[in-house]
Amino acid sequence: MLFRKKAFFFSFLGKAVLFEGAYYLFILPFVIFLFTMPYSSTLSQIVGQEAALSYSLQTILVSPAFLVLYNKLKHPNLDIAKLFKWGAIGIVNFTFALWVKHLLLNIYALPINVADPVLLVGFLNSALTLLIAALVLLITFLPVIREKRRVFSSRGMGVGLVLIGVYFIIYVLVAMLNQRYFSFLELTELWAITMPIVGLSLMHKHRHERVP
């Protein structure tokens, strides 16, 4: 709607936020199943419960923040400070949820071998890239989250978004060299590969803002 009408439609944004927050809640029955199902071996139980832990943490990070943001968006009298605060919390929490998902996925489902350069890159990527992106975004949005101001660094947000995209670009490159990584490619958020486009444009905007 933003691209078509050149206007910001809070009602459409609210629906998108609501459905994204609800999506994670629908994972909860699967989480309960993973925690309670009988396992054929101790190893399979560890793998299943690590997966359950991953989905639980993702739900805790995303759903409450997104549902509160939806509540702020549908309020007839928008409180812009609260809107910015929960929007910032939603972005930061979603990035931390991505990190949790892909770090634990690497631990319980993907091969780890520090002697193999490809697998070493894959592990370091899952352990660090999204974590650094989340921390950069947290630092960038902290004044907004604390409601001290509504202005944030477009460069900081740009760097965070670029790092999110870099993670998935590296994952795809590793998947081209390792079959196990490739088998989980369909579970990755490949749409996030486009994030560097947004991030670089924000960094470019910041550079021009600083020109006297």
C-alpha atoms as a PDB file:
ATOM      1  CA  MET A   1       0.000   0.000   0.000  1.00  0.00           C
ATOM      2  CA  LEU A   2       2.891   2.340   0.774  1.00  0.00           C
ATOM      3  CA  PHE A   3       4.374   1.808  -2.692  1.00  0.00           C
ATOM      4  CA  ARG A   4       1.032   2.089  -4.482  1.00  0.00           C
ATOM      5  CA  LYS A   5      -0.548   5.005  -2.626  1.00  0.00           C
ATOM      6  CA  LYS A   6       2.538   6.816  -1.288  1.00  0.00           C
ATOM      7  CA  ALA A   7       0.859   6.956   2.114  1.00  0.00           C
ATOM      8  CA  PHE A   8       1.279   4.983   5.317  1.00  0.00           C
ATOM      9  CA  PHE A   9      -1.706   2.811   6.196  1.00  0.00           C
ATOM     10  CA  PHE A  10      -1.642   1.906   9.882  1.00  0.00           C
ATOM     11  CA  SER A  11      -4.594  -0.465   9.466  1.00  0.00           C
ATOM     12  CA  PHE A  12      -2.677  -2.620   6.957  1.00  0.00           C
ATOM     13  CA  LEU A  13       0.477  -2.504   9.074  1.00  0.00           C
ATOM     14  CA  GLY A  14      -1.593  -3.530  12.098  1.00  0.00           C
ATOM     15  CA  LYS A  15      -3.000  -6.586  10.302  1.00  0.00           C
ATOM     16  CA  ALA A  16       0.484  -7.645   9.175  1.00  0.00           C
ATOM     17  CA  VAL A  17       1.823  -7.290  12.725  1.00  0.00           C
ATOM     18  CA  LEU A  18      -1.173  -9.209  14.141  1.00  0.00           C
ATOM     19  CA  PHE A  19      -0.768 -12.139  11.739  1.00  0.00           C
ATOM     20  CA  GLU A  20       2.990 -12.334  12.319  1.00  0.00           C
ATOM     21  CA  GLY A  21       2.491 -12.352  16.081  1.00  0.00           C
ATOM     22  CA  ALA A  22      -0.274 -14.960  15.803  1.00  0.00           C
ATOM     23  CA  TYR A  23       1.860 -17.153  13.530  1.00  0.00           C
ATOM     24  CA  TYR A  24       4.297 -17.898  16.338  1.00  0.00           C
ATOM     25  CA  LEU A  25       1.459 -18.739  18.739  1.00  0.00           C
ATOM     26  CA  PHE A  26       0.320 -21.462  16.337  1.00  0.00           C
ATOM     27  CA  ILE A  27       3.713 -23.145  16.812  1.00  0.00           C
ATOM     28  CA  LEU A  28       2.936 -23.810  20.508  1.00  0.00           C
ATOM     29  CA  PRO A  29       1.090 -27.141  19.942  1.00  0.00           C
ATOM     30  CA  PHE A  30       4.169 -28.398  18.068  1.00  0.00           C
ATOM     31  CA  VAL A  31       6.380 -27.211  20.945  1.00  0.00           C
ATOM     32  CA  ILE A  32       4.241 -29.151  23.452  1.00  0.00           C
ATOM     33  CA  PHE A  33       4.422 -32.203  21.206  1.00  0.00           C
ATOM     34  CA  LEU A  34       8.233 -31.998  21.028  1.00  0.00           C
ATOM     35  CA  PHE A  35       8.531 -31.704  24.809  1.00  0.00           C
ATOM     36  CA  THR A  36       6.121 -34.568  25.590  1.00  0.00           C
ATOM     37  CA  MET A  37       6.485 -37.106  22.758  1.00  0.00           C
ATOM     38  CA  PRO A  38       8.210 -40.438  23.463  1.00  0.00           C
ATOM     39  CA  TYR A  39      11.682 -40.604  21.923  1.00  0.00           C
ATOM     40  CA  SER A  40      13.463 -43.687  20.635  1.00  0.00           C
ATOM     41  CA  SER A  41      16.846 -42.599  21.999  1.00  0.00           C
ATOM     42  CA  THR A  42      18.495 -40.060  24.259  1.00  0.00           C
ATOM     43  CA  LEU A  43      20.090 -38.361  21.257  1.00  0.00           C
ATOM     44  CA  SER A  44      16.771 -37.914  19.458  1.00  0.00           C
ATOM     45  CA  GLN A  45      15.245 -36.569  22.691  1.00  0.00           C
ATOM     46  CA  ILE A  46      18.020 -33.974  23.038  1.00  0.00           C
ATOM     47  CA  VAL A  47      17.553 -32.901  19.403  1.00  0.00           C
ATOM     48  CA  GLY A  48      13.759 -32.710  19.759  1.00  0.00           C
ATOM     49  CA  GLN A  49      13.873 -30.727  22.983  1.00  0.00           C
ATOM     50  CA  GLU A  50      16.504 -28.333  21.622  1.00  0.00           C
ATOM     51  CA  ALA A  51      14.158 -27.689  18.700  1.00  0.00           C
ATOM     52  CA  ALA A  52      11.296 -27.149  21.177  1.00  0.00           C
ATOM     53  CA  LEU A  53      13.439 -24.710  23.153  1.00  0.00           C
ATOM     54  CA  SER A  54      14.230 -22.825  19.955  1.00  0.00           C
ATOM     55  CA  TYR A  55      10.563 -22.451  18.977  1.00  0.00           C
ATOM     56  CA  SER A  56       9.598 -21.529  22.561  1.00  0.00           C
ATOM     57  CA  LEU A  57      12.151 -18.713  22.715  1.00  0.00           C
ATOM     58  CA  GLN A  58      11.113 -17.436  19.283  1.00  0.00           C
ATOM     59  CA  THR A  59       7.479 -17.288  20.377  1.00  0.00           C
ATOM     60  CA  ILE A  60       8.344 -15.528  23.652  1.00  0.00           C
ATOM     61  CA  LEU A  61      10.436 -12.944  21.809  1.00  0.00           C
ATOM     62  CA  VAL A  62       8.062 -12.217  18.935  1.00  0.00           C
ATOM     63  CA  SER A  63       4.398 -12.773  19.829  1.00  0.00           C
ATOM     64  CA  PRO A  64       4.018 -10.563  22.948  1.00  0.00           C
ATOM     65  CA  ALA A  65       5.885  -7.614  21.373  1.00  0.00           C
ATOM     66  CA  PHE A  66       3.970  -7.873  18.088  1.00  0.00           C
ATOM     67  CA  LEU A  67       0.588  -8.229  19.774  1.00  0.00           C
ATOM     68  CA  VAL A  68       1.247  -5.193  21.995  1.00  0.00           C
ATOM     69  CA  LEU A  69       2.343  -3.271  18.879  1.00  0.00           C
ATOM     70  CA  TYR A  70      -0.868  -4.330  17.138  1.00  0.00           C
ATOM     71  CA  ASN A  71      -2.870  -3.058  20.112  1.00  0.00           C
ATOM     72  CA  LYS A  72      -1.088   0.317  19.856  1.00  0.00           C
ATOM     73  CA  LEU A  73      -1.702   0.476  16.098  1.00  0.00           C
ATOM     74  CA  LYS A  74      -5.441  -0.179  16.326  1.00  0.00           C
ATOM     75  CA  HIS A  75      -5.992   2.404  19.060  1.00  0.00           C
ATOM     76  CA  PRO A  76      -8.091   5.289  17.678  1.00  0.00           C
ATOM     77  CA  ASN A  77      -5.812   7.887  19.272  1.00  0.00           C
ATOM     78  CA  LEU A  78      -2.302   6.835  18.300  1.00  0.00           C
ATOM     79  CA  ASP A  79       0.332   7.432  20.967  1.00  0.00           C
ATOM     80  CA  ILE A  80       3.322   7.974  18.680  1.00  0.00           C
ATOM     81  CA  ALA A  81       5.899   7.559  21.462  1.00  0.00           C
ATOM     82  CA  LYS A  82       4.407   4.187  22.468  1.00  0.00           C
ATOM     83  CA  LEU A  83       4.069   3.226  18.818  1.00  0.00           C
ATOM     84  CA  PHE A  84       7.753   3.911  18.179  1.00  0.00           C
ATOM     85  CA  LYS A  85       8.716   2.143  21.408  1.00  0.00           C
ATOM     86  CA  TRP A  86       6.901  -1.091  20.612  1.00  0.00           C
ATOM     87  CA  GLY A  87       7.873  -0.937  16.960  1.00  0.00           C
ATOM     88  CA  ALA A  88      11.514  -0.755  18.053  1.00  0.00           C
ATOM     89  CA  ILE A  89      11.019  -3.607  20.548  1.00  0.00           C
ATOM     90  CA  GLY A  90       9.387  -5.668  17.811  1.00  0.00           C
ATOM     91  CA  ILE A  91      12.306  -5.153  15.397  1.00  0.00           C
ATOM     92  CA  VAL A  92      14.939  -5.943  18.036  1.00  0.00           C
ATOM     93  CA  ASN A  93      13.084  -8.980  19.410  1.00  0.00           C
ATOM     94  CA  PHE A  94      12.447 -10.360  15.929  1.00  0.00           C
ATOM     95  CA  THR A  95      16.173 -10.144  15.154  1.00  0.00           C
ATOM     96  CA  PHE A  96      17.066 -11.882  18.420  1.00  0.00           C
ATOM     97  CA  ALA A  97      14.478 -14.563  17.527  1.00  0.00           C
ATOM     98  CA  LEU A  98      16.207 -15.093  14.166  1.00  0.00           C
ATOM     99  CA  TRP A  99      19.520 -15.496  15.983  1.00  0.00           C
ATOM    100  CA  VAL A 100      18.052 -18.018  18.458  1.00  0.00           C
ATOM    101  CA  LYS A 101      16.485 -20.024  15.635  1.00  0.00           C
ATOM    102  CA  HIS A 102      19.585 -20.251  13.479  1.00  0.00           C
ATOM    103  CA  LEU A 103      22.117 -20.729  16.279  1.00  0.00           C
ATOM    104  CA  LEU A 104      20.147 -23.623  17.787  1.00  0.00           C
ATOM    105  CA  LEU A 105      19.430 -25.024  14.309  1.00  0.00           C
ATOM    106  CA  ASN A 106      23.170 -25.148  13.738  1.00  0.00           C
ATOM    107  CA  ILE A 107      23.711 -26.884  17.088  1.00  0.00           C
ATOM    108  CA  TYR A 108      21.038 -29.594  16.817  1.00  0.00           C
ATOM    109  CA  ALA A 109      20.711 -30.122  13.060  1.00  0.00           C
ATOM    110  CA  LEU A 110      23.816 -28.979  11.168  1.00  0.00           C
ATOM    111  CA  PRO A 111      27.347 -30.391  11.199  1.00  0.00           C
ATOM    112  CA  ILE A 112      29.986 -28.571  13.247  1.00  0.00           C
ATOM    113  CA  ASN A 113      33.632 -29.178  12.394  1.00  0.00           C
ATOM    114  CA  VAL A 114      36.127 -26.395  13.114  1.00  0.00           C
ATOM    115  CA  ALA A 115      38.723 -28.225  11.002  1.00  0.00           C
ATOM    116  CA  ASP A 116      36.519 -27.776   7.903  1.00  0.00           C
ATOM    117  CA  PRO A 117      36.722 -24.138   6.700  1.00  0.00           C
ATOM    118  CA  VAL A 118      33.233 -24.251   5.176  1.00  0.00           C
ATOM    119  CA  LEU A 119      31.603 -25.621   8.334  1.00  0.00           C
ATOM    120  CA  LEU A 120      33.621 -23.249  10.507  1.00  0.00           C
ATOM    121  CA  VAL A 121      32.319 -20.288   8.502  1.00  0.00           C
ATOM    122  CA  GLY A 122      28.792 -21.696   8.781  1.00  0.00           C
ATOM    123  CA  PHE A 123      29.011 -22.049  12.561  1.00  0.00           C
ATOM    124  CA  LEU A 124      30.610 -18.635  13.161  1.00  0.00           C
ATOM    125  CA  ASN A 125      27.971 -17.095  10.899  1.00  0.00           C
ATOM    126  CA  SER A 126      25.105 -18.639  12.916  1.00  0.00           C
ATOM    127  CA  ALA A 127      26.742 -17.797  16.238  1.00  0.00           C
ATOM    128  CA  LEU A 128      27.756 -14.189  15.562  1.00  0.00           C
ATOM    129  CA  THR A 129      26.242 -12.431  12.536  1.00  0.00           C
ATOM    130  CA  LEU A 130      22.611 -12.208  13.655  1.00  0.00           C
ATOM    131  CA  LEU A 131      23.671 -11.642  17.278  1.00  0.00           C
ATOM    132  CA  ILE A 132      25.758  -8.628  16.242  1.00  0.00           C
ATOM    133  CA  ALA A 133      22.862  -7.386  14.091  1.00  0.00           C
ATOM    134  CA  ALA A 134      20.474  -7.669  17.059  1.00  0.00           C
ATOM    135  CA  LEU A 135      22.881  -5.864  19.391  1.00  0.00           C
ATOM    136  CA  VAL A 136      23.446  -3.065  16.857  1.00  0.00           C
ATOM    137  CA  LEU A 137      19.682  -2.611  16.515  1.00  0.00           C
ATOM    138  CA  LEU A 138      19.221  -2.708  20.296  1.00  0.00           C
ATOM    139  CA  ILE A 139      21.818   0.036  20.791  1.00  0.00           C
ATOM    140  CA  THR A 140      20.307   2.038  17.918  1.00  0.00           C
ATOM    141  CA  PHE A 141      16.746   1.853  19.260  1.00  0.00           C
ATOM    142  CA  LEU A 142      17.486   2.007  22.999  1.00  0.00           C
ATOM    143  CA  PRO A 143      16.619   5.746  23.307  1.00  0.00           C
ATOM    144  CA  VAL A 144      13.333   5.052  21.468  1.00  0.00           C
ATOM    145  CA  ILE A 145      12.562   2.043  23.690  1.00  0.00           C
ATOM    146  CA  ARG A 146      13.229   4.172  26.769  1.00  0.00           C
ATOM    147  CA  GLU A 147      10.938   6.845  25.260  1.00  0.00           C
ATOM    148  CA  LYS A 148      13.669   9.467  25.543  1.00  0.00           C
ATOM    149  CA  ARG A 149      13.297  10.383  21.883  1.00  0.00           C
ATOM    150  CA  ARG A 150      11.673   9.213  18.666  1.00  0.00           C
ATOM    151  CA  VAL A 151      14.650   9.906  16.424  1.00  0.00           C
ATOM    152  CA  PHE A 152      17.109   7.078  15.853  1.00  0.00           C
ATOM    153  CA  SER A 153      20.279   6.632  13.831  1.00  0.00           C
ATOM    154  CA  SER A 154      19.434   5.581  10.282  1.00  0.00           C
ATOM    155  CA  ARG A 155      23.053   4.436   9.934  1.00  0.00           C
ATOM    156  CA  GLY A 156      22.715   2.142  12.966  1.00  0.00           C
ATOM    157  CA  MET A 157      19.504   0.638  11.637  1.00  0.00           C
ATOM    158  CA  GLY A 158      21.100   0.318   8.201  1.00  0.00           C
ATOM    159  CA  VAL A 159      24.080  -1.587   9.598  1.00  0.00           C
ATOM    160  CA  GLY A 160      21.753  -3.925  11.492  1.00  0.00           C
ATOM    161  CA  LEU A 161      19.667  -4.681   8.402  1.00  0.00           C
ATOM    162  CA  VAL A 162      22.764  -5.233   6.252  1.00  0.00           C
ATOM    163  CA  LEU A 163      24.080  -7.758   8.784  1.00  0.00           C
ATOM    164  CA  ILE A 164      20.757  -9.620   8.748  1.00  0.00           C
ATOM    165  CA  GLY A 165      21.027  -9.956   4.978  1.00  0.00           C
ATOM    166  CA  VAL A 166      24.704 -10.931   5.196  1.00  0.00           C
ATOM    167  CA  TYR A 167      23.818 -13.878   7.448  1.00  0.00           C
ATOM    168  CA  PHE A 168      21.481 -15.371   4.860  1.00  0.00           C
ATOM    169  CA  ILE A 169      23.827 -14.648   1.961  1.00  0.00           C
ATOM    170  CA  ILE A 170      26.595 -16.546   3.781  1.00  0.00           C
ATOM    171  CA  TYR A 171      24.173 -19.364   4.633  1.00  0.00           C
ATOM    172  CA  VAL A 172      23.250 -19.770   0.955  1.00  0.00           C
ATOM    173  CA  LEU A 173      26.925 -19.799  -0.054  1.00  0.00           C
ATOM    174  CA  VAL A 174      27.701 -22.463   2.582  1.00  0.00           C
ATOM    175  CA  ALA A 175      24.643 -24.459   1.450  1.00  0.00           C
ATOM    176  CA  MET A 176      26.051 -24.532  -2.082  1.00  0.00           C
ATOM    177  CA  LEU A 177      29.109 -26.335  -0.668  1.00  0.00           C
ATOM    178  CA  ASN A 178      27.494 -28.544   1.980  1.00  0.00           C
ATOM    179  CA  GLN A 179      24.518 -30.846   1.411  1.00  0.00           C
ATOM    180  CA  ARG A 180      23.347 -30.770   5.029  1.00  0.00           C
ATOM    181  CA  TYR A 181      23.082 -26.983   4.980  1.00  0.00           C
ATOM    182  CA  PHE A 182      21.324 -27.199   1.628  1.00  0.00           C
ATOM    183  CA  SER A 183      18.716 -29.601   3.039  1.00  0.00           C
ATOM    184  CA  PHE A 184      17.625 -26.913   5.529  1.00  0.00           C
ATOM    185  CA  LEU A 185      17.622 -24.096   2.971  1.00  0.00           C
ATOM    186  CA  GLU A 186      13.829 -24.182   2.700  1.00  0.00           C
ATOM    187  CA  LEU A 187      13.568 -23.401   6.428  1.00  0.00           C
ATOM    188  CA  THR A 188      15.612 -20.207   6.129  1.00  0.00           C
ATOM    189  CA  GLU A 189      14.099 -16.737   5.744  1.00  0.00           C
ATOM    190  CA  LEU A 190      15.426 -16.169   2.224  1.00  0.00           C
ATOM    191  CA  TRP A 191      13.390 -12.952   1.931  1.00  0.00           C
ATOM    192  CA  ALA A 192      15.912 -11.408   4.355  1.00  0.00           C
ATOM    193  CA  ILE A 193      18.563 -11.488   1.612  1.00  0.00           C
ATOM    194  CA  THR A 194      16.951  -8.248   0.417  1.00  0.00           C
ATOM    195  CA  MET A 195      17.667  -6.479   3.726  1.00  0.00           C
ATOM    196  CA  PRO A 196      21.041  -5.036   2.577  1.00  0.00           C
ATOM    197  CA  ILE A 197      19.159  -3.039  -0.073  1.00  0.00           C
ATOM    198  CA  VAL A 198      17.113  -1.337   2.648  1.00  0.00           C
ATOM    199  CA  GLY A 199      20.093  -1.099   4.994  1.00  0.00           C
ATOM    200  CA  LEU A 200      22.422   0.496   2.453  1.00  0.00           C
ATOM    201  CA  SER A 201      19.751   3.027   1.484  1.00  0.00           C
ATOM    202  CA  LEU A 202      19.377   3.998   5.166  1.00  0.00           C
ATOM    203  CA  MET A 203      23.148   4.354   5.518  1.00  0.00           C
ATOM    204  CA  HIS A 204      23.199   6.492   2.363  1.00  0.00           C
ATOM    205  CA  LYS A 205      20.390   8.622   3.833  1.00  0.00           C
ATOM    206  CA  HIS A 206      22.417   9.094   7.043  1.00  0.00           C
ATOM    207  CA  ARG A 207      25.476  10.207   5.078  1.00  0.00           C
ATOM    208  CA  HIS A 208      23.477  12.838   3.222  1.00  0.00           C
ATOM    209  CA  GLU A 209      21.803  14.021   6.427  1.00  0.00           C
ATOM    210  CA  ARG A 210      25.237  14.829   7.841  1.00  0.00           C
ATOM    211  CA  VAL A 211      26.279  16.909   4.824  1.00  0.00           C
ATOM    212  CA  PRO A 212      26.062  20.620   5.844  1.00  0.00           C
END
